[in-house]
Amino acid sequence: MGKFLLSLHVLAAVIAIGPVTVAATMFPRKARAALADGPEAAGEASAVRTLNRITKVYAAGGVLVPVLGIGTAQVMGVMSSPWLIASLVLTIVAALVLLVLVLPPQQAVIDTLAGDPRADAGKALGGLKMLAMSTGLFSLLWAVVTVLMVVRPGSTTHA
């Protein structure tokens, strides 16, 4: 059962977290182009909407990663391991970064591109640097979690 859960956990991480990371990372550059005036802006706006949709849909699917991870850890008997606890904390931080620092600025850009009268184009454009840093932090957090999952410092399971 442990190997089955571990396989599902790894598959969920690859299938869900990978696309979120790539889409969120590409978003600021595409958004900058879409918010600029020019003939390419219309095509870039479509790409921005698609990247936002990918980020939201795969983020929802990404909930399976920690759920399956916790199930796997329980079966393996490693729930109290420091590397696992650190990974869970970093996963929660990554989720908060996505929910608080990535998705709202993305939505501000989407609203601006849609012509929402409440949207502030200057604020959307100005927030792209912070959005790029936030997506970088999100990516870094997942990279650290991945390393912890592979290296498992202090593990006694030798699995």
C-alpha atoms as a PDB file:
ATOM      1  CA  MET A   1       0.000   0.000   0.000  1.00  0.00           C
ATOM      2  CA  GLY A   2       2.897   2.357   0.776  1.00  0.00           C
ATOM      3  CA  LYS A   3       4.398   2.066  -2.696  1.00  0.00           C
ATOM      4  CA  PHE A   4       1.001   2.613  -4.294  1.00  0.00           C
ATOM      5  CA  LEU A   5       0.367   5.775  -2.241  1.00  0.00           C
ATOM      6  CA  LEU A   6       3.906   6.994  -2.862  1.00  0.00           C
ATOM      7  CA  SER A   7       3.420   6.500  -6.603  1.00  0.00           C
ATOM      8  CA  LEU A   8       0.157   8.462  -6.531  1.00  0.00           C
ATOM      9  CA  HIS A   9       1.817  11.186  -4.438  1.00  0.00           C
ATOM     10  CA  VAL A  10       4.697  11.571  -6.906  1.00  0.00           C
ATOM     11  CA  LEU A  11       2.341  11.496  -9.909  1.00  0.00           C
ATOM     12  CA  ALA A  12       0.127  14.156  -8.324  1.00  0.00           C
ATOM     13  CA  ALA A  13       3.182  16.328  -7.643  1.00  0.00           C
ATOM     14  CA  VAL A  14       4.444  16.037 -11.203  1.00  0.00           C
ATOM     15  CA  ILE A  15       1.048  16.435 -12.869  1.00  0.00           C
ATOM     16  CA  ALA A  16      -0.279  19.240 -10.646  1.00  0.00           C
ATOM     17  CA  ILE A  17       2.613  21.221  -9.205  1.00  0.00           C
ATOM     18  CA  GLY A  18       4.703  21.253 -12.392  1.00  0.00           C
ATOM     19  CA  PRO A  19       2.061  23.012 -14.521  1.00  0.00           C
ATOM     20  CA  VAL A  20       1.214  25.481 -11.730  1.00  0.00           C
ATOM     21  CA  THR A  21       4.870  26.399 -11.384  1.00  0.00           C
ATOM     22  CA  VAL A  22       5.427  26.813 -15.115  1.00  0.00           C
ATOM     23  CA  ALA A  23       2.201  28.750 -15.754  1.00  0.00           C
ATOM     24  CA  ALA A  24       2.683  31.050 -12.754  1.00  0.00           C
ATOM     25  CA  THR A  25       6.290  31.711 -13.754  1.00  0.00           C
ATOM     26  CA  MET A  26       5.370  32.555 -17.360  1.00  0.00           C
ATOM     27  CA  PHE A  27       2.470  34.802 -16.357  1.00  0.00           C
ATOM     28  CA  PRO A  28       4.339  38.044 -15.470  1.00  0.00           C
ATOM     29  CA  ARG A  29       6.243  38.195 -18.766  1.00  0.00           C
ATOM     30  CA  LYS A  30       3.133  37.488 -20.825  1.00  0.00           C
ATOM     31  CA  ALA A  31       1.095  39.929 -18.729  1.00  0.00           C
ATOM     32  CA  ARG A  32       3.635  42.708 -19.309  1.00  0.00           C
ATOM     33  CA  ALA A  33       3.331  42.136 -23.066  1.00  0.00           C
ATOM     34  CA  ALA A  34      -0.465  41.945 -22.898  1.00  0.00           C
ATOM     35  CA  LEU A  35      -0.753  45.187 -20.930  1.00  0.00           C
ATOM     36  CA  ALA A  36       1.491  47.017 -23.405  1.00  0.00           C
ATOM     37  CA  ASP A  37      -0.141  48.654 -26.377  1.00  0.00           C
ATOM     38  CA  GLY A  38       0.687  46.990 -29.640  1.00  0.00           C
ATOM     39  CA  PRO A  39      -0.530  44.547 -32.248  1.00  0.00           C
ATOM     40  CA  GLU A  40       0.684  41.518 -30.281  1.00  0.00           C
ATOM     41  CA  ALA A  41      -1.235  42.521 -27.132  1.00  0.00           C
ATOM     42  CA  ALA A  42      -4.453  40.722 -28.119  1.00  0.00           C
ATOM     43  CA  GLY A  43      -2.687  37.387 -28.563  1.00  0.00           C
ATOM     44  CA  GLU A  44      -0.749  37.881 -25.354  1.00  0.00           C
ATOM     45  CA  ALA A  45      -3.998  38.625 -23.481  1.00  0.00           C
ATOM     46  CA  SER A  46      -5.337  35.250 -24.553  1.00  0.00           C
ATOM     47  CA  ALA A  47      -2.138  33.582 -23.346  1.00  0.00           C
ATOM     48  CA  VAL A  48      -2.407  35.405 -20.001  1.00  0.00           C
ATOM     49  CA  ARG A  49      -5.973  34.178 -19.487  1.00  0.00           C
ATOM     50  CA  THR A  50      -4.878  30.632 -20.308  1.00  0.00           C
ATOM     51  CA  LEU A  51      -1.927  30.785 -17.899  1.00  0.00           C
ATOM     52  CA  ASN A  52      -4.222  32.069 -15.142  1.00  0.00           C
ATOM     53  CA  ARG A  53      -6.704  29.262 -15.798  1.00  0.00           C
ATOM     54  CA  ILE A  54      -3.905  26.660 -15.716  1.00  0.00           C
ATOM     55  CA  THR A  55      -2.611  28.112 -12.449  1.00  0.00           C
ATOM     56  CA  LYS A  56      -6.052  27.945 -10.800  1.00  0.00           C
ATOM     57  CA  VAL A  57      -7.143  24.539 -12.102  1.00  0.00           C
ATOM     58  CA  TYR A  58      -3.884  22.729 -11.388  1.00  0.00           C
ATOM     59  CA  ALA A  59      -3.554  24.449  -8.003  1.00  0.00           C
ATOM     60  CA  ALA A  60      -6.897  22.924  -7.048  1.00  0.00           C
ATOM     61  CA  GLY A  61      -5.594  19.528  -8.164  1.00  0.00           C
ATOM     62  CA  GLY A  62      -2.397  20.194  -6.245  1.00  0.00           C
ATOM     63  CA  VAL A  63      -4.318  19.705  -2.993  1.00  0.00           C
ATOM     64  CA  LEU A  64      -3.910  15.982  -3.656  1.00  0.00           C
ATOM     65  CA  VAL A  65      -0.138  16.249  -3.217  1.00  0.00           C
ATOM     66  CA  PRO A  66      -0.072  16.873   0.551  1.00  0.00           C
ATOM     67  CA  VAL A  67      -3.138  14.675   1.121  1.00  0.00           C
ATOM     68  CA  LEU A  68      -1.466  11.707  -0.582  1.00  0.00           C
ATOM     69  CA  GLY A  69       1.839  12.636   1.062  1.00  0.00           C
ATOM     70  CA  ILE A  70       0.289  12.490   4.529  1.00  0.00           C
ATOM     71  CA  GLY A  71      -1.325   9.148   3.718  1.00  0.00           C
ATOM     72  CA  THR A  72       1.999   7.807   2.471  1.00  0.00           C
ATOM     73  CA  ALA A  73       3.821   9.090   5.561  1.00  0.00           C
ATOM     74  CA  GLN A  74       1.301   7.417   7.855  1.00  0.00           C
ATOM     75  CA  VAL A  75       1.690   4.070   6.089  1.00  0.00           C
ATOM     76  CA  MET A  76       5.487   4.406   6.212  1.00  0.00           C
ATOM     77  CA  GLY A  77       5.406   5.453   9.877  1.00  0.00           C
ATOM     78  CA  VAL A  78       7.363   8.682   9.339  1.00  0.00           C
ATOM     79  CA  MET A  79       4.757  11.293  10.340  1.00  0.00           C
ATOM     80  CA  SER A  80       6.937  12.659  13.155  1.00  0.00           C
ATOM     81  CA  SER A  81      10.116  12.890  11.066  1.00  0.00           C
ATOM     82  CA  PRO A  82      11.626  16.397  11.017  1.00  0.00           C
ATOM     83  CA  TRP A  83      12.112  16.340   7.218  1.00  0.00           C
ATOM     84  CA  LEU A  84       8.434  15.526   6.741  1.00  0.00           C
ATOM     85  CA  ILE A  85       7.255  18.184   9.176  1.00  0.00           C
ATOM     86  CA  ALA A  86       9.504  20.746   7.458  1.00  0.00           C
ATOM     87  CA  SER A  87       8.096  19.671   4.086  1.00  0.00           C
ATOM     88  CA  LEU A  88       4.527  20.080   5.312  1.00  0.00           C
ATOM     89  CA  VAL A  89       5.266  23.531   6.720  1.00  0.00           C
ATOM     90  CA  LEU A  90       6.927  24.595   3.447  1.00  0.00           C
ATOM     91  CA  THR A  91       3.986  23.177   1.484  1.00  0.00           C
ATOM     92  CA  ILE A  92       1.597  25.298   3.555  1.00  0.00           C
ATOM     93  CA  VAL A  93       3.801  28.361   2.981  1.00  0.00           C
ATOM     94  CA  ALA A  94       3.865  27.626  -0.773  1.00  0.00           C
ATOM     95  CA  ALA A  95       0.069  27.327  -0.817  1.00  0.00           C
ATOM     96  CA  LEU A  96      -0.252  30.653   1.020  1.00  0.00           C
ATOM     97  CA  VAL A  97       2.165  32.324  -1.404  1.00  0.00           C
ATOM     98  CA  LEU A  98       0.054  31.047  -4.289  1.00  0.00           C
ATOM     99  CA  LEU A  99      -3.264  32.071  -2.710  1.00  0.00           C
ATOM    100  CA  VAL A 100      -2.170  35.472  -1.374  1.00  0.00           C
ATOM    101  CA  LEU A 101       0.737  36.686  -3.505  1.00  0.00           C
ATOM    102  CA  VAL A 102       0.222  35.042  -6.904  1.00  0.00           C
ATOM    103  CA  LEU A 103      -3.464  34.536  -7.696  1.00  0.00           C
ATOM    104  CA  PRO A 104      -4.805  37.981  -6.639  1.00  0.00           C
ATOM    105  CA  PRO A 105      -2.270  39.927  -8.760  1.00  0.00           C
ATOM    106  CA  GLN A 106      -2.964  37.580 -11.650  1.00  0.00           C
ATOM    107  CA  GLN A 107      -6.674  38.309 -11.263  1.00  0.00           C
ATOM    108  CA  ALA A 108      -5.944  42.063 -11.235  1.00  0.00           C
ATOM    109  CA  VAL A 109      -4.235  41.692 -14.610  1.00  0.00           C
ATOM    110  CA  ILE A 110      -7.116  39.587 -15.962  1.00  0.00           C
ATOM    111  CA  ASP A 111      -9.622  42.227 -14.773  1.00  0.00           C
ATOM    112  CA  THR A 112      -7.582  44.998 -16.390  1.00  0.00           C
ATOM    113  CA  LEU A 113      -7.385  43.110 -19.682  1.00  0.00           C
ATOM    114  CA  ALA A 114     -11.144  42.470 -19.538  1.00  0.00           C
ATOM    115  CA  GLY A 115     -11.740  46.219 -19.256  1.00  0.00           C
ATOM    116  CA  ASP A 116     -13.219  46.072 -15.753  1.00  0.00           C
ATOM    117  CA  PRO A 117     -13.819  49.714 -14.771  1.00  0.00           C
ATOM    118  CA  ARG A 118     -12.690  48.979 -11.200  1.00  0.00           C
ATOM    119  CA  ALA A 119      -9.343  47.629 -12.429  1.00  0.00           C
ATOM    120  CA  ASP A 120      -6.261  49.830 -12.221  1.00  0.00           C
ATOM    121  CA  ALA A 121      -3.987  49.206 -15.223  1.00  0.00           C
ATOM    122  CA  GLY A 122      -1.082  51.074 -13.630  1.00  0.00           C
ATOM    123  CA  LYS A 123      -1.339  49.014 -10.456  1.00  0.00           C
ATOM    124  CA  ALA A 124      -1.596  45.768 -12.453  1.00  0.00           C
ATOM    125  CA  LEU A 125       1.481  46.672 -14.504  1.00  0.00           C
ATOM    126  CA  GLY A 126       3.385  47.919 -11.449  1.00  0.00           C
ATOM    127  CA  GLY A 127       2.644  44.738  -9.505  1.00  0.00           C
ATOM    128  CA  LEU A 128       4.252  42.461 -12.085  1.00  0.00           C
ATOM    129  CA  LYS A 129       7.718  42.712 -10.525  1.00  0.00           C
ATOM    130  CA  MET A 130       6.339  41.618  -7.141  1.00  0.00           C
ATOM    131  CA  LEU A 131       4.340  38.900  -8.883  1.00  0.00           C
ATOM    132  CA  ALA A 132       7.493  37.625 -10.587  1.00  0.00           C
ATOM    133  CA  MET A 133       9.283  37.516  -7.225  1.00  0.00           C
ATOM    134  CA  SER A 134       6.332  35.726  -5.629  1.00  0.00           C
ATOM    135  CA  THR A 135       6.256  33.070  -8.337  1.00  0.00           C
ATOM    136  CA  GLY A 136      10.000  32.638  -7.889  1.00  0.00           C
ATOM    137  CA  LEU A 137       9.471  32.126  -4.163  1.00  0.00           C
ATOM    138  CA  PHE A 138       6.691  29.618  -4.893  1.00  0.00           C
ATOM    139  CA  SER A 139       9.028  27.693  -7.200  1.00  0.00           C
ATOM    140  CA  LEU A 140      11.874  27.793  -4.683  1.00  0.00           C
ATOM    141  CA  LEU A 141       9.644  26.467  -1.907  1.00  0.00           C
ATOM    142  CA  TRP A 142       8.604  23.505  -4.043  1.00  0.00           C
ATOM    143  CA  ALA A 143      12.215  22.855  -5.001  1.00  0.00           C
ATOM    144  CA  VAL A 144      13.177  22.703  -1.316  1.00  0.00           C
ATOM    145  CA  VAL A 145      10.237  20.385  -0.566  1.00  0.00           C
ATOM    146  CA  THR A 146      11.338  18.134  -3.427  1.00  0.00           C
ATOM    147  CA  VAL A 147      14.895  17.982  -2.101  1.00  0.00           C
ATOM    148  CA  LEU A 148      13.611  17.185   1.395  1.00  0.00           C
ATOM    149  CA  MET A 149      11.471  14.386  -0.030  1.00  0.00           C
ATOM    150  CA  VAL A 150      14.446  12.861  -1.837  1.00  0.00           C
ATOM    151  CA  VAL A 151      17.260  13.432   0.682  1.00  0.00           C
ATOM    152  CA  ARG A 152      15.158  12.997   3.868  1.00  0.00           C
ATOM    153  CA  PRO A 153      17.859  14.195   6.276  1.00  0.00           C
ATOM    154  CA  GLY A 154      18.007  12.109   9.431  1.00  0.00           C
ATOM    155  CA  SER A 155      15.716   9.430   8.011  1.00  0.00           C
ATOM    156  CA  THR A 156      16.028   6.002   9.571  1.00  0.00           C
ATOM    157  CA  THR A 157      13.769   4.215   7.059  1.00  0.00           C
ATOM    158  CA  HIS A 158      16.517   3.842   4.415  1.00  0.00           C
ATOM    159  CA  ALA A 159      13.714   3.527   1.883  1.00  0.00           C
END
